[in-house]
């Protein structure tokens, strides 16, 4: 289950700043708190539930993930400093987490990756529809790290993408005749959809290489 690997899911939480072992730090806007927040994380599992408990100096943040039919329900609660003012911020926080987890579950299910080992792999079929899932899947596997992805198809088509700070910054495709299309972007990978890849000469098998930046 994707929630069993918090080091991969946490980088896509709202307000996330860093994770080192079981120490997690959020960068919280001043309208919520007036200080950054550092927590110790523990993860527990019950029947159809996963519970992330963040314990800090000024309170405890609990995130509960529960399967509801085929959907995932996410709730957040805070016990500690400023508790009476946390209703709306917690609602936004939980909604953002639910959207991120849902997006990555969907990306895993639809990702066209056959196999990736040691940052190399074979992608059975990349199309405008599946390309966003591939980029999301790689970002998840790399724990949200910056990376470049380069791919080559048997007919010579080249594909490259650069992701920094959780955003797709550049996408380039060169077809078998050398005609290149370059898209300069600044789009969160969680917001990627097939529209950005429309009309690109994909729809083929690629061997890819992924490198951390």
N, C-alpha and C. Protein backbone atom coordinates (compact mmCIF):
# COMPACT_ATOMS: atom_id res chain seq x y z
N UNK A 1 0.85 -1.20 0.00
CA UNK A 1 0.00 0.00 0.00
C UNK A 1 0.88 1.25 0.00
N UNK A 2 0.53 2.21 -0.80
CA UNK A 2 1.35 3.41 -0.96
C UNK A 2 1.57 4.13 0.37
N UNK A 3 0.62 4.06 1.30
CA UNK A 3 0.74 4.77 2.58
C UNK A 3 1.77 4.11 3.50
N UNK A 4 2.21 2.90 3.17
CA UNK A 4 3.22 2.24 3.97
C UNK A 4 4.62 2.77 3.72
N UNK A 5 4.76 3.74 2.79
CA UNK A 5 6.06 4.33 2.49
C UNK A 5 5.97 5.84 2.67
N UNK A 6 5.87 6.32 3.92
CA UNK A 6 5.67 7.76 4.16
C UNK A 6 6.77 8.64 3.59
N UNK A 7 8.01 8.10 3.46
CA UNK A 7 9.08 8.91 2.90
C UNK A 7 8.80 9.26 1.43
N UNK A 8 7.91 8.50 0.78
CA UNK A 8 7.53 8.79 -0.59
C UNK A 8 6.28 9.65 -0.67
N UNK A 9 5.35 9.45 0.25
CA UNK A 9 4.10 10.21 0.19
C UNK A 9 4.24 11.61 0.78
N UNK A 10 5.06 11.76 1.84
CA UNK A 10 5.16 13.05 2.54
C UNK A 10 5.59 14.22 1.65
N UNK A 11 6.52 14.03 0.71
CA UNK A 11 6.94 15.20 -0.09
C UNK A 11 5.81 15.84 -0.88
N UNK A 12 4.67 15.17 -1.00
CA UNK A 12 3.57 15.72 -1.77
C UNK A 12 2.43 16.22 -0.88
N UNK A 13 2.65 16.24 0.44
CA UNK A 13 1.69 16.83 1.36
C UNK A 13 1.77 18.35 1.26
N UNK A 14 0.65 19.04 1.45
CA UNK A 14 0.70 20.51 1.55
C UNK A 14 1.65 20.92 2.69
N UNK A 15 2.38 22.00 2.49
CA UNK A 15 3.26 22.61 3.49
C UNK A 15 4.51 21.79 3.80
N UNK A 16 4.73 20.66 3.10
CA UNK A 16 5.88 19.82 3.42
C UNK A 16 7.19 20.58 3.17
N UNK A 17 8.16 20.37 4.07
CA UNK A 17 9.49 20.95 3.89
C UNK A 17 10.58 19.89 3.80
N UNK A 18 10.62 18.95 4.76
CA UNK A 18 11.68 17.95 4.73
C UNK A 18 11.31 16.75 5.59
N UNK A 19 11.97 15.61 5.32
CA UNK A 19 11.84 14.44 6.18
C UNK A 19 13.20 13.78 6.28
N UNK A 20 13.62 13.48 7.51
CA UNK A 20 14.87 12.80 7.78
C UNK A 20 14.59 11.74 8.83
N UNK A 21 14.56 10.47 8.39
CA UNK A 21 14.17 9.41 9.30
C UNK A 21 12.73 9.60 9.73
N UNK A 22 12.50 9.71 11.04
CA UNK A 22 11.14 9.91 11.53
C UNK A 22 10.86 11.38 11.89
N UNK A 23 11.79 12.27 11.51
CA UNK A 23 11.60 13.70 11.80
C UNK A 23 11.09 14.39 10.54
N UNK A 24 9.91 15.01 10.66
CA UNK A 24 9.27 15.67 9.53
C UNK A 24 9.10 17.14 9.86
N UNK A 25 9.37 17.97 8.89
CA UNK A 25 9.20 19.40 9.09
C UNK A 25 8.26 19.97 8.03
N UNK A 26 7.29 20.75 8.48
CA UNK A 26 6.38 21.45 7.60
C UNK A 26 6.72 22.93 7.58
N UNK A 27 6.51 23.57 6.46
CA UNK A 27 6.70 25.01 6.32
C UNK A 27 5.29 25.61 6.28
N UNK A 28 4.83 26.08 7.43
CA UNK A 28 3.42 26.45 7.57
C UNK A 28 3.24 27.95 7.39
N UNK A 29 2.32 28.40 6.54
CA UNK A 29 2.10 29.84 6.34
C UNK A 29 1.70 30.53 7.63
N UNK A 30 2.00 31.82 7.70
CA UNK A 30 1.73 32.57 8.93
C UNK A 30 0.25 32.67 9.27
N UNK A 31 -0.63 32.53 8.26
CA UNK A 31 -2.05 32.64 8.61
C UNK A 31 -2.54 31.40 9.35
N UNK A 32 -1.71 30.34 9.37
CA UNK A 32 -2.06 29.15 10.16
C UNK A 32 -1.32 29.19 11.50
N UNK A 33 -0.01 29.28 11.42
CA UNK A 33 0.82 29.42 12.61
C UNK A 33 1.83 30.54 12.34
N UNK A 34 2.55 30.95 13.33
CA UNK A 34 3.60 31.95 13.10
C UNK A 34 4.97 31.34 13.31
N UNK A 35 5.09 30.01 13.11
CA UNK A 35 6.38 29.37 13.23
C UNK A 35 6.39 28.10 12.38
N UNK A 36 7.60 27.66 11.99
CA UNK A 36 7.73 26.38 11.32
C UNK A 36 7.42 25.26 12.30
N UNK A 37 7.22 24.07 11.81
CA UNK A 37 6.82 22.99 12.70
C UNK A 37 7.59 21.72 12.43
N UNK A 38 8.16 21.14 13.49
CA UNK A 38 8.91 19.90 13.39
C UNK A 38 8.23 18.83 14.22
N UNK A 39 8.13 17.63 13.66
CA UNK A 39 7.40 16.55 14.32
C UNK A 39 8.18 15.25 14.27
N UNK A 40 7.85 14.36 15.20
CA UNK A 40 8.25 12.96 15.13
C UNK A 40 7.05 12.20 14.57
N UNK A 41 7.30 11.39 13.54
CA UNK A 41 6.21 10.68 12.88
C UNK A 41 6.18 9.21 13.30
N UNK A 42 5.01 8.73 13.64
CA UNK A 42 4.77 7.30 13.80
C UNK A 42 3.63 6.92 12.87
N UNK A 43 3.71 5.72 12.32
CA UNK A 43 2.71 5.24 11.38
C UNK A 43 2.10 3.96 11.93
N UNK A 44 0.76 3.91 11.97
CA UNK A 44 0.06 2.72 12.44
C UNK A 44 -0.99 2.28 11.45
N UNK A 45 -1.34 1.01 11.50
CA UNK A 45 -2.34 0.46 10.59
C UNK A 45 -3.39 -0.31 11.37
N UNK A 46 -4.64 -0.12 10.98
CA UNK A 46 -5.76 -0.88 11.50
C UNK A 46 -6.52 -1.41 10.29
N UNK A 47 -7.62 -2.10 10.52
CA UNK A 47 -8.42 -2.62 9.42
C UNK A 47 -8.90 -1.49 8.52
N UNK A 48 -8.41 -1.46 7.29
CA UNK A 48 -8.78 -0.47 6.28
C UNK A 48 -8.40 0.95 6.68
N UNK A 49 -7.44 1.10 7.62
CA UNK A 49 -7.03 2.42 8.06
C UNK A 49 -5.50 2.51 8.14
N UNK A 50 -5.00 3.69 7.85
CA UNK A 50 -3.60 4.02 8.14
C UNK A 50 -3.62 5.34 8.91
N UNK A 51 -2.82 5.42 9.95
CA UNK A 51 -2.81 6.60 10.81
C UNK A 51 -1.39 7.15 10.92
N UNK A 52 -1.23 8.39 10.47
CA UNK A 52 0.04 9.10 10.63
C UNK A 52 -0.11 10.02 11.84
N UNK A 53 0.74 9.84 12.84
CA UNK A 53 0.71 10.68 14.03
C UNK A 53 2.00 11.50 14.10
N UNK A 54 1.84 12.82 14.05
CA UNK A 54 2.97 13.75 14.09
C UNK A 54 2.99 14.41 15.47
N UNK A 55 4.02 14.15 16.24
CA UNK A 55 4.11 14.68 17.59
C UNK A 55 5.17 15.77 17.64
N UNK A 56 4.75 17.00 18.02
CA UNK A 56 5.66 18.13 18.09
C UNK A 56 5.64 18.77 19.46
N UNK A 57 6.46 19.80 19.64
CA UNK A 57 6.56 20.47 20.94
C UNK A 57 5.27 21.15 21.34
N UNK A 58 4.46 21.59 20.36
CA UNK A 58 3.26 22.36 20.69
C UNK A 58 1.96 21.65 20.34
N UNK A 59 2.05 20.38 20.04
CA UNK A 59 0.81 19.66 19.80
C UNK A 59 1.00 18.40 18.98
N UNK A 60 -0.12 17.73 18.72
CA UNK A 60 -0.12 16.47 17.97
C UNK A 60 -1.05 16.61 16.77
N UNK A 61 -0.51 16.32 15.59
CA UNK A 61 -1.28 16.33 14.36
C UNK A 61 -1.53 14.88 13.96
N UNK A 62 -2.78 14.51 13.76
CA UNK A 62 -3.12 13.14 13.38
C UNK A 62 -3.81 13.15 12.03
N UNK A 63 -3.28 12.38 11.10
CA UNK A 63 -3.88 12.22 9.78
C UNK A 63 -4.36 10.78 9.66
N UNK A 64 -5.64 10.60 9.40
CA UNK A 64 -6.21 9.27 9.28
C UNK A 64 -6.67 9.02 7.85
N UNK A 65 -6.21 7.91 7.29
CA UNK A 65 -6.60 7.49 5.95
C UNK A 65 -7.49 6.26 6.09
N UNK A 66 -8.67 6.30 5.54
CA UNK A 66 -9.60 5.19 5.69
C UNK A 66 -10.27 4.87 4.35
N UNK A 67 -10.25 3.60 3.99
CA UNK A 67 -10.93 3.18 2.78
C UNK A 67 -12.44 3.23 3.01
N UNK A 68 -13.12 3.89 2.07
CA UNK A 68 -14.58 3.99 2.13
C UNK A 68 -15.12 3.52 0.78
N UNK A 69 -15.49 2.24 0.71
CA UNK A 69 -15.86 1.67 -0.57
C UNK A 69 -14.62 1.59 -1.44
N UNK A 70 -14.65 2.19 -2.62
CA UNK A 70 -13.48 2.22 -3.50
C UNK A 70 -12.72 3.54 -3.36
N UNK A 71 -13.17 4.41 -2.45
CA UNK A 71 -12.54 5.70 -2.25
C UNK A 71 -11.69 5.74 -1.00
N UNK A 72 -10.98 6.84 -0.82
CA UNK A 72 -10.13 7.05 0.35
C UNK A 72 -10.60 8.31 1.07
N UNK A 73 -10.90 8.16 2.35
CA UNK A 73 -11.30 9.31 3.17
C UNK A 73 -10.10 9.73 4.02
N UNK A 74 -9.80 11.02 3.99
CA UNK A 74 -8.68 11.56 4.76
C UNK A 74 -9.20 12.58 5.75
N UNK A 75 -8.87 12.43 7.02
CA UNK A 75 -9.25 13.40 8.04
C UNK A 75 -8.00 13.84 8.80
N UNK A 76 -8.02 15.08 9.25
CA UNK A 76 -6.90 15.63 9.99
C UNK A 76 -7.41 16.25 11.29
N UNK A 77 -6.69 16.03 12.37
CA UNK A 77 -7.06 16.63 13.65
C UNK A 77 -5.81 17.16 14.33
N UNK A 78 -6.00 18.21 15.12
CA UNK A 78 -4.89 18.86 15.81
C UNK A 78 -5.26 19.05 17.26
N UNK A 79 -4.38 18.65 18.16
CA UNK A 79 -4.57 18.87 19.59
C UNK A 79 -3.35 19.62 20.10
N UNK A 80 -3.58 20.89 20.49
CA UNK A 80 -2.45 21.67 20.98
C UNK A 80 -2.66 23.14 20.76
N UNK A 81 -1.56 23.88 20.63
CA UNK A 81 -1.57 25.33 20.50
C UNK A 81 -2.45 25.77 19.32
N UNK A 82 -3.32 26.76 19.55
CA UNK A 82 -4.16 27.31 18.49
C UNK A 82 -5.25 26.39 18.01
N UNK A 83 -5.64 25.42 18.83
CA UNK A 83 -6.59 24.40 18.40
C UNK A 83 -7.92 24.98 17.91
N UNK A 84 -8.40 26.03 18.56
CA UNK A 84 -9.72 26.57 18.21
C UNK A 84 -9.72 27.27 16.86
N UNK A 85 -8.55 27.58 16.30
CA UNK A 85 -8.48 28.29 15.01
C UNK A 85 -8.13 27.36 13.84
N UNK A 86 -8.10 26.06 14.09
CA UNK A 86 -7.54 25.16 13.09
C UNK A 86 -8.56 24.48 12.18
N UNK A 87 -9.84 24.74 12.35
CA UNK A 87 -10.86 24.05 11.57
C UNK A 87 -10.66 24.16 10.07
N UNK A 88 -10.67 25.38 9.53
CA UNK A 88 -10.55 25.58 8.09
C UNK A 88 -9.17 25.18 7.55
N UNK A 89 -8.06 25.57 8.21
CA UNK A 89 -6.75 25.12 7.71
C UNK A 89 -6.61 23.61 7.67
N UNK A 90 -7.14 22.91 8.67
CA UNK A 90 -7.06 21.45 8.68
C UNK A 90 -7.88 20.85 7.54
N UNK A 91 -9.02 21.46 7.25
CA UNK A 91 -9.85 20.98 6.14
C UNK A 91 -9.10 21.09 4.82
N UNK A 92 -8.43 22.24 4.61
CA UNK A 92 -7.64 22.41 3.39
C UNK A 92 -6.47 21.43 3.35
N UNK A 93 -5.84 21.24 4.49
CA UNK A 93 -4.71 20.33 4.60
C UNK A 93 -5.13 18.91 4.23
N UNK A 94 -6.22 18.43 4.80
CA UNK A 94 -6.71 17.08 4.53
C UNK A 94 -7.11 16.93 3.07
N UNK A 95 -7.75 17.95 2.50
CA UNK A 95 -8.16 17.88 1.10
C UNK A 95 -6.95 17.79 0.19
N UNK A 96 -5.91 18.58 0.48
CA UNK A 96 -4.70 18.55 -0.32
C UNK A 96 -4.00 17.20 -0.25
N UNK A 97 -3.98 16.59 0.94
CA UNK A 97 -3.37 15.27 1.09
C UNK A 97 -4.16 14.23 0.30
N UNK A 98 -5.49 14.27 0.41
CA UNK A 98 -6.33 13.31 -0.30
C UNK A 98 -6.13 13.40 -1.80
N UNK A 99 -6.04 14.62 -2.32
CA UNK A 99 -5.84 14.80 -3.76
C UNK A 99 -4.48 14.26 -4.20
N UNK A 100 -3.44 14.50 -3.39
CA UNK A 100 -2.10 14.02 -3.74
C UNK A 100 -2.03 12.50 -3.72
N UNK A 101 -2.56 11.88 -2.65
CA UNK A 101 -2.51 10.42 -2.55
C UNK A 101 -3.34 9.79 -3.67
N UNK A 102 -4.53 10.34 -3.92
CA UNK A 102 -5.37 9.82 -5.00
C UNK A 102 -4.67 9.91 -6.34
N UNK A 103 -3.99 11.02 -6.58
CA UNK A 103 -3.30 11.23 -7.84
C UNK A 103 -2.19 10.20 -8.03
N UNK A 104 -1.44 9.91 -6.97
CA UNK A 104 -0.34 8.97 -7.12
C UNK A 104 -0.82 7.53 -7.19
N UNK A 105 -1.91 7.20 -6.52
CA UNK A 105 -2.49 5.86 -6.67
C UNK A 105 -2.95 5.65 -8.11
N UNK A 106 -3.59 6.66 -8.67
CA UNK A 106 -4.04 6.57 -10.06
C UNK A 106 -2.85 6.47 -11.01
N UNK A 107 -1.79 7.24 -10.72
CA UNK A 107 -0.60 7.19 -11.57
C UNK A 107 0.05 5.82 -11.53
N UNK A 108 0.12 5.22 -10.35
CA UNK A 108 0.70 3.88 -10.23
C UNK A 108 -0.10 2.87 -11.04
N UNK A 109 -1.43 2.99 -10.97
CA UNK A 109 -2.29 2.03 -11.66
C UNK A 109 -2.19 2.16 -13.18
N UNK A 110 -2.04 3.39 -13.67
CA UNK A 110 -2.06 3.61 -15.11
C UNK A 110 -0.69 3.81 -15.73
N UNK A 111 0.37 3.82 -14.89
CA UNK A 111 1.71 4.08 -15.40
C UNK A 111 2.15 2.99 -16.37
N UNK A 112 2.68 3.37 -17.53
CA UNK A 112 3.04 2.38 -18.54
C UNK A 112 4.42 1.78 -18.34
N UNK A 113 4.98 1.86 -17.13
CA UNK A 113 6.33 1.34 -16.89
C UNK A 113 6.29 -0.18 -16.79
N UNK A 114 7.13 -0.82 -17.59
CA UNK A 114 7.27 -2.27 -17.47
C UNK A 114 8.24 -2.61 -16.35
N UNK A 115 9.36 -1.88 -16.31
CA UNK A 115 10.37 -2.16 -15.30
C UNK A 115 11.34 -0.99 -15.21
N UNK A 116 11.69 -0.60 -13.99
CA UNK A 116 12.73 0.40 -13.78
C UNK A 116 13.69 -0.14 -12.73
N UNK A 117 14.95 -0.28 -13.09
CA UNK A 117 15.97 -0.76 -12.17
C UNK A 117 17.17 0.18 -12.25
N UNK A 118 17.64 0.63 -11.08
CA UNK A 118 18.80 1.51 -11.00
C UNK A 118 18.66 2.70 -11.95
N UNK A 119 17.48 3.30 -11.92
CA UNK A 119 17.19 4.52 -12.66
C UNK A 119 17.21 4.33 -14.17
N UNK A 120 17.09 3.08 -14.64
CA UNK A 120 16.90 2.78 -16.05
C UNK A 120 15.67 1.91 -16.20
N UNK A 121 15.04 1.98 -17.34
CA UNK A 121 13.87 1.16 -17.50
C UNK A 121 13.35 1.13 -18.91
N UNK A 122 12.34 0.31 -19.12
CA UNK A 122 11.66 0.20 -20.40
C UNK A 122 10.21 0.57 -20.19
N UNK A 123 9.72 1.48 -21.00
CA UNK A 123 8.33 1.91 -20.92
C UNK A 123 7.62 1.33 -22.14
N UNK A 124 6.63 0.49 -21.88
CA UNK A 124 5.99 -0.22 -22.97
C UNK A 124 5.31 0.70 -23.97
N UNK A 125 4.70 1.76 -23.47
CA UNK A 125 3.95 2.62 -24.39
C UNK A 125 3.69 3.96 -23.72
N UNK A 126 4.26 5.01 -24.28
CA UNK A 126 3.99 6.36 -23.78
C UNK A 126 3.09 7.06 -24.78
N UNK A 127 2.04 7.65 -24.29
CA UNK A 127 1.12 8.42 -25.13
C UNK A 127 0.82 9.72 -24.40
N UNK A 128 0.16 10.67 -25.04
CA UNK A 128 -0.23 11.89 -24.32
C UNK A 128 -1.04 11.59 -23.06
N UNK A 129 -1.78 10.48 -23.07
CA UNK A 129 -2.61 10.14 -21.92
C UNK A 129 -1.80 9.54 -20.78
N UNK A 130 -0.79 8.72 -21.11
CA UNK A 130 -0.04 8.03 -20.05
C UNK A 130 1.24 8.77 -19.62
N UNK A 131 1.71 9.74 -20.41
CA UNK A 131 2.93 10.47 -20.05
C UNK A 131 2.84 11.15 -18.68
N UNK A 132 1.72 11.81 -18.33
CA UNK A 132 1.65 12.41 -16.99
C UNK A 132 1.81 11.39 -15.87
N UNK A 133 1.22 10.19 -16.06
CA UNK A 133 1.33 9.15 -15.03
C UNK A 133 2.77 8.68 -14.88
N UNK A 134 3.50 8.60 -15.98
CA UNK A 134 4.90 8.20 -15.92
C UNK A 134 5.72 9.19 -15.11
N UNK A 135 5.55 10.48 -15.37
CA UNK A 135 6.32 11.50 -14.65
C UNK A 135 5.95 11.50 -13.16
N UNK A 136 4.67 11.36 -12.85
CA UNK A 136 4.24 11.30 -11.45
C UNK A 136 4.83 10.07 -10.76
N UNK A 137 4.81 8.94 -11.46
CA UNK A 137 5.34 7.71 -10.87
C UNK A 137 6.82 7.84 -10.56
N UNK A 138 7.60 8.41 -11.48
CA UNK A 138 9.03 8.59 -11.24
C UNK A 138 9.26 9.53 -10.06
N UNK A 139 8.50 10.62 -10.00
CA UNK A 139 8.63 11.56 -8.88
C UNK A 139 8.36 10.87 -7.56
N UNK A 140 7.36 10.01 -7.54
CA UNK A 140 7.02 9.28 -6.31
C UNK A 140 8.14 8.31 -5.93
N UNK A 141 8.67 7.59 -6.94
CA UNK A 141 9.74 6.63 -6.66
C UNK A 141 10.99 7.33 -6.14
N UNK A 142 11.21 8.58 -6.57
CA UNK A 142 12.40 9.32 -6.14
C UNK A 142 12.14 10.19 -4.91
N UNK A 143 11.03 9.96 -4.23
CA UNK A 143 10.70 10.70 -3.00
C UNK A 143 10.63 12.20 -3.24
N UNK A 144 10.15 12.60 -4.41
CA UNK A 144 9.98 14.02 -4.69
C UNK A 144 11.26 14.75 -5.08
N UNK A 145 12.35 14.01 -5.33
CA UNK A 145 13.62 14.65 -5.70
C UNK A 145 13.53 15.24 -7.11
N UNK A 146 14.36 16.26 -7.38
CA UNK A 146 14.48 16.80 -8.73
C UNK A 146 15.11 15.74 -9.63
N UNK A 147 14.69 15.72 -10.90
CA UNK A 147 15.26 14.71 -11.80
C UNK A 147 15.09 15.13 -13.26
N UNK A 148 15.88 14.47 -14.10
CA UNK A 148 15.66 14.53 -15.54
C UNK A 148 15.35 13.12 -16.02
N UNK A 149 14.52 13.04 -17.03
CA UNK A 149 14.20 11.76 -17.66
C UNK A 149 14.49 11.89 -19.15
N UNK A 150 15.24 10.94 -19.69
CA UNK A 150 15.51 10.92 -21.12
C UNK A 150 15.13 9.56 -21.67
N UNK A 151 14.45 9.56 -22.82
CA UNK A 151 14.02 8.31 -23.41
C UNK A 151 14.27 8.29 -24.90
N UNK A 152 14.45 7.08 -25.43
CA UNK A 152 14.65 6.91 -26.87
C UNK A 152 13.82 5.74 -27.35
N UNK A 153 13.10 5.96 -28.45
CA UNK A 153 12.28 4.93 -29.07
C UNK A 153 13.07 4.23 -30.17
N UNK A 154 12.68 3.03 -30.58
CA UNK A 154 13.40 2.31 -31.63
C UNK A 154 13.52 3.08 -32.95
N UNK A 155 12.56 3.97 -33.24
CA UNK A 155 12.62 4.71 -34.50
C UNK A 155 13.45 5.99 -34.39
N UNK A 156 14.09 6.21 -33.22
CA UNK A 156 14.94 7.38 -33.05
C UNK A 156 14.28 8.56 -32.37
N UNK A 157 12.99 8.47 -32.09
CA UNK A 157 12.31 9.55 -31.37
C UNK A 157 12.93 9.72 -29.98
N UNK A 158 13.21 10.98 -29.61
CA UNK A 158 13.81 11.29 -28.32
C UNK A 158 12.83 12.06 -27.45
N UNK A 159 12.80 11.74 -26.18
CA UNK A 159 11.92 12.39 -25.22
C UNK A 159 12.75 12.79 -24.01
N UNK A 160 12.59 14.02 -23.53
CA UNK A 160 13.27 14.42 -22.30
C UNK A 160 12.35 15.32 -21.48
N UNK A 161 12.51 15.24 -20.16
CA UNK A 161 11.73 16.06 -19.25
C UNK A 161 12.60 16.42 -18.06
N UNK A 162 12.37 17.62 -17.52
CA UNK A 162 13.11 18.08 -16.34
C UNK A 162 12.11 18.51 -15.28
N UNK A 163 12.24 17.92 -14.09
CA UNK A 163 11.35 18.21 -12.97
C UNK A 163 12.16 18.79 -11.82
N UNK A 164 11.77 19.96 -11.34
CA UNK A 164 12.43 20.61 -10.21
C UNK A 164 11.39 21.20 -9.28
N UNK A 165 11.64 21.07 -7.98
CA UNK A 165 10.74 21.61 -6.95
C UNK A 165 9.31 21.15 -7.16
N UNK A 166 9.15 19.89 -7.58
CA UNK A 166 7.81 19.34 -7.75
C UNK A 166 7.08 19.84 -8.97
N UNK A 167 7.82 20.48 -9.91
CA UNK A 167 7.19 21.03 -11.11
C UNK A 167 7.89 20.54 -12.36
N UNK A 168 7.10 20.32 -13.42
CA UNK A 168 7.67 20.04 -14.72
C UNK A 168 8.11 21.37 -15.31
N UNK A 169 9.42 21.51 -15.55
CA UNK A 169 9.97 22.77 -16.02
C UNK A 169 10.21 22.78 -17.53
N UNK A 170 10.55 21.62 -18.09
CA UNK A 170 10.82 21.58 -19.53
C UNK A 170 10.48 20.19 -20.06
N UNK A 171 9.90 20.17 -21.24
CA UNK A 171 9.55 18.94 -21.94
C UNK A 171 10.00 19.09 -23.38
N UNK A 172 10.73 18.09 -23.90
CA UNK A 172 11.24 18.18 -25.27
C UNK A 172 11.07 16.83 -25.96
N UNK A 173 10.55 16.87 -27.18
CA UNK A 173 10.39 15.67 -27.99
C UNK A 173 10.94 15.95 -29.38
N UNK A 174 11.83 15.05 -29.86
CA UNK A 174 12.35 15.12 -31.22
C UNK A 174 11.91 13.88 -31.96
N UNK A 175 11.25 14.06 -33.11
CA UNK A 175 10.78 12.89 -33.84
C UNK A 175 11.91 12.25 -34.64
N UNK A 176 11.61 11.17 -35.33
CA UNK A 176 12.63 10.39 -36.04
C UNK A 176 13.31 11.18 -37.15
N UNK A 177 12.71 12.29 -37.59
CA UNK A 177 13.30 13.13 -38.64
C UNK A 177 14.07 14.32 -38.06
N UNK A 178 14.12 14.39 -36.71
CA UNK A 178 14.86 15.46 -36.07
C UNK A 178 14.06 16.71 -35.76
N UNK A 179 12.79 16.72 -36.12
CA UNK A 179 11.95 17.87 -35.81
C UNK A 179 11.64 17.88 -34.31
N UNK A 180 11.98 18.99 -33.66
CA UNK A 180 11.87 19.06 -32.20
C UNK A 180 10.74 19.98 -31.74
N UNK A 181 10.11 19.57 -30.65
CA UNK A 181 9.10 20.41 -29.98
C UNK A 181 9.55 20.58 -28.54
N UNK A 182 9.71 21.83 -28.10
CA UNK A 182 10.14 22.11 -26.73
C UNK A 182 9.07 22.94 -26.02
N UNK A 183 8.69 22.48 -24.84
CA UNK A 183 7.69 23.18 -24.04
C UNK A 183 8.36 23.64 -22.75
N UNK A 184 8.46 24.94 -22.57
CA UNK A 184 8.93 25.51 -21.30
C UNK A 184 7.71 25.63 -20.40
N UNK A 185 7.76 24.99 -19.25
CA UNK A 185 6.58 24.93 -18.39
C UNK A 185 6.95 25.30 -16.97
N UNK A 186 5.97 25.43 -16.14
CA UNK A 186 6.14 25.66 -14.70
C UNK A 186 4.87 25.11 -14.05
N UNK A 187 4.69 23.79 -14.21
CA UNK A 187 3.43 23.15 -13.84
C UNK A 187 3.69 22.10 -12.77
N UNK A 188 2.95 22.17 -11.66
CA UNK A 188 3.05 21.15 -10.62
C UNK A 188 2.77 19.78 -11.23
N UNK A 189 3.58 18.79 -10.87
CA UNK A 189 3.36 17.47 -11.44
C UNK A 189 2.01 16.90 -11.02
N UNK A 190 1.48 17.36 -9.89
CA UNK A 190 0.16 16.90 -9.47
C UNK A 190 -0.95 17.47 -10.35
N UNK A 191 -0.63 18.47 -11.15
CA UNK A 191 -1.63 19.07 -12.03
C UNK A 191 -1.42 18.69 -13.49
N UNK A 192 -0.47 17.81 -13.76
CA UNK A 192 -0.22 17.41 -15.14
C UNK A 192 -1.38 16.61 -15.70
N UNK A 193 -1.73 16.89 -16.94
CA UNK A 193 -2.72 16.08 -17.65
C UNK A 193 -2.31 15.98 -19.10
N UNK A 194 -3.08 15.25 -19.88
CA UNK A 194 -2.67 14.97 -21.26
C UNK A 194 -2.66 16.20 -22.16
N UNK A 195 -3.31 17.29 -21.75
CA UNK A 195 -3.37 18.48 -22.61
C UNK A 195 -1.98 19.00 -22.94
N UNK A 196 -1.04 18.93 -21.98
CA UNK A 196 0.31 19.43 -22.21
C UNK A 196 1.05 18.59 -23.25
N UNK A 197 0.66 17.33 -23.40
CA UNK A 197 1.36 16.40 -24.28
C UNK A 197 0.64 16.21 -25.61
N UNK A 198 -0.45 16.94 -25.79
CA UNK A 198 -1.26 16.80 -26.99
C UNK A 198 -0.44 17.10 -28.25
N UNK A 199 -0.60 16.27 -29.26
CA UNK A 199 0.05 16.44 -30.58
C UNK A 199 1.54 16.15 -30.57
N UNK A 200 2.10 15.70 -29.47
CA UNK A 200 3.51 15.31 -29.48
C UNK A 200 3.65 13.91 -30.09
N UNK A 201 4.73 13.65 -30.81
CA UNK A 201 4.88 12.36 -31.50
C UNK A 201 5.31 11.25 -30.54
N UNK A 202 4.42 10.82 -29.69
CA UNK A 202 4.70 9.77 -28.72
C UNK A 202 4.11 8.45 -29.23
N UNK A 203 3.24 7.82 -28.46
CA UNK A 203 2.59 6.58 -28.88
C UNK A 203 3.58 5.51 -29.33
N UNK A 204 4.58 5.25 -28.50
CA UNK A 204 5.56 4.22 -28.85
C UNK A 204 6.32 3.77 -27.60
N UNK A 205 7.11 2.74 -27.76
CA UNK A 205 7.92 2.18 -26.67
C UNK A 205 9.20 2.99 -26.51
N UNK A 206 9.61 3.22 -25.27
CA UNK A 206 10.83 3.97 -25.00
C UNK A 206 11.71 3.24 -23.99
N UNK A 207 13.00 3.33 -24.18
CA UNK A 207 13.96 3.01 -23.12
C UNK A 207 14.31 4.33 -22.45
N UNK A 208 14.24 4.36 -21.13
CA UNK A 208 14.44 5.63 -20.43
C UNK A 208 15.59 5.54 -19.43
N UNK A 209 16.17 6.70 -19.18
CA UNK A 209 17.19 6.87 -18.14
C UNK A 209 16.75 8.03 -17.27
N UNK A 210 16.77 7.82 -15.96
CA UNK A 210 16.36 8.86 -15.01
C UNK A 210 17.58 9.24 -14.17
N UNK A 211 17.82 10.53 -14.03
CA UNK A 211 18.94 11.00 -13.21
C UNK A 211 18.45 12.06 -12.23
N UNK A 212 18.88 11.90 -10.99
CA UNK A 212 18.59 12.93 -9.99
C UNK A 212 19.43 14.18 -10.27
N UNK A 213 18.87 15.33 -10.00
CA UNK A 213 19.59 16.59 -10.17
C UNK A 213 20.27 17.00 -8.86
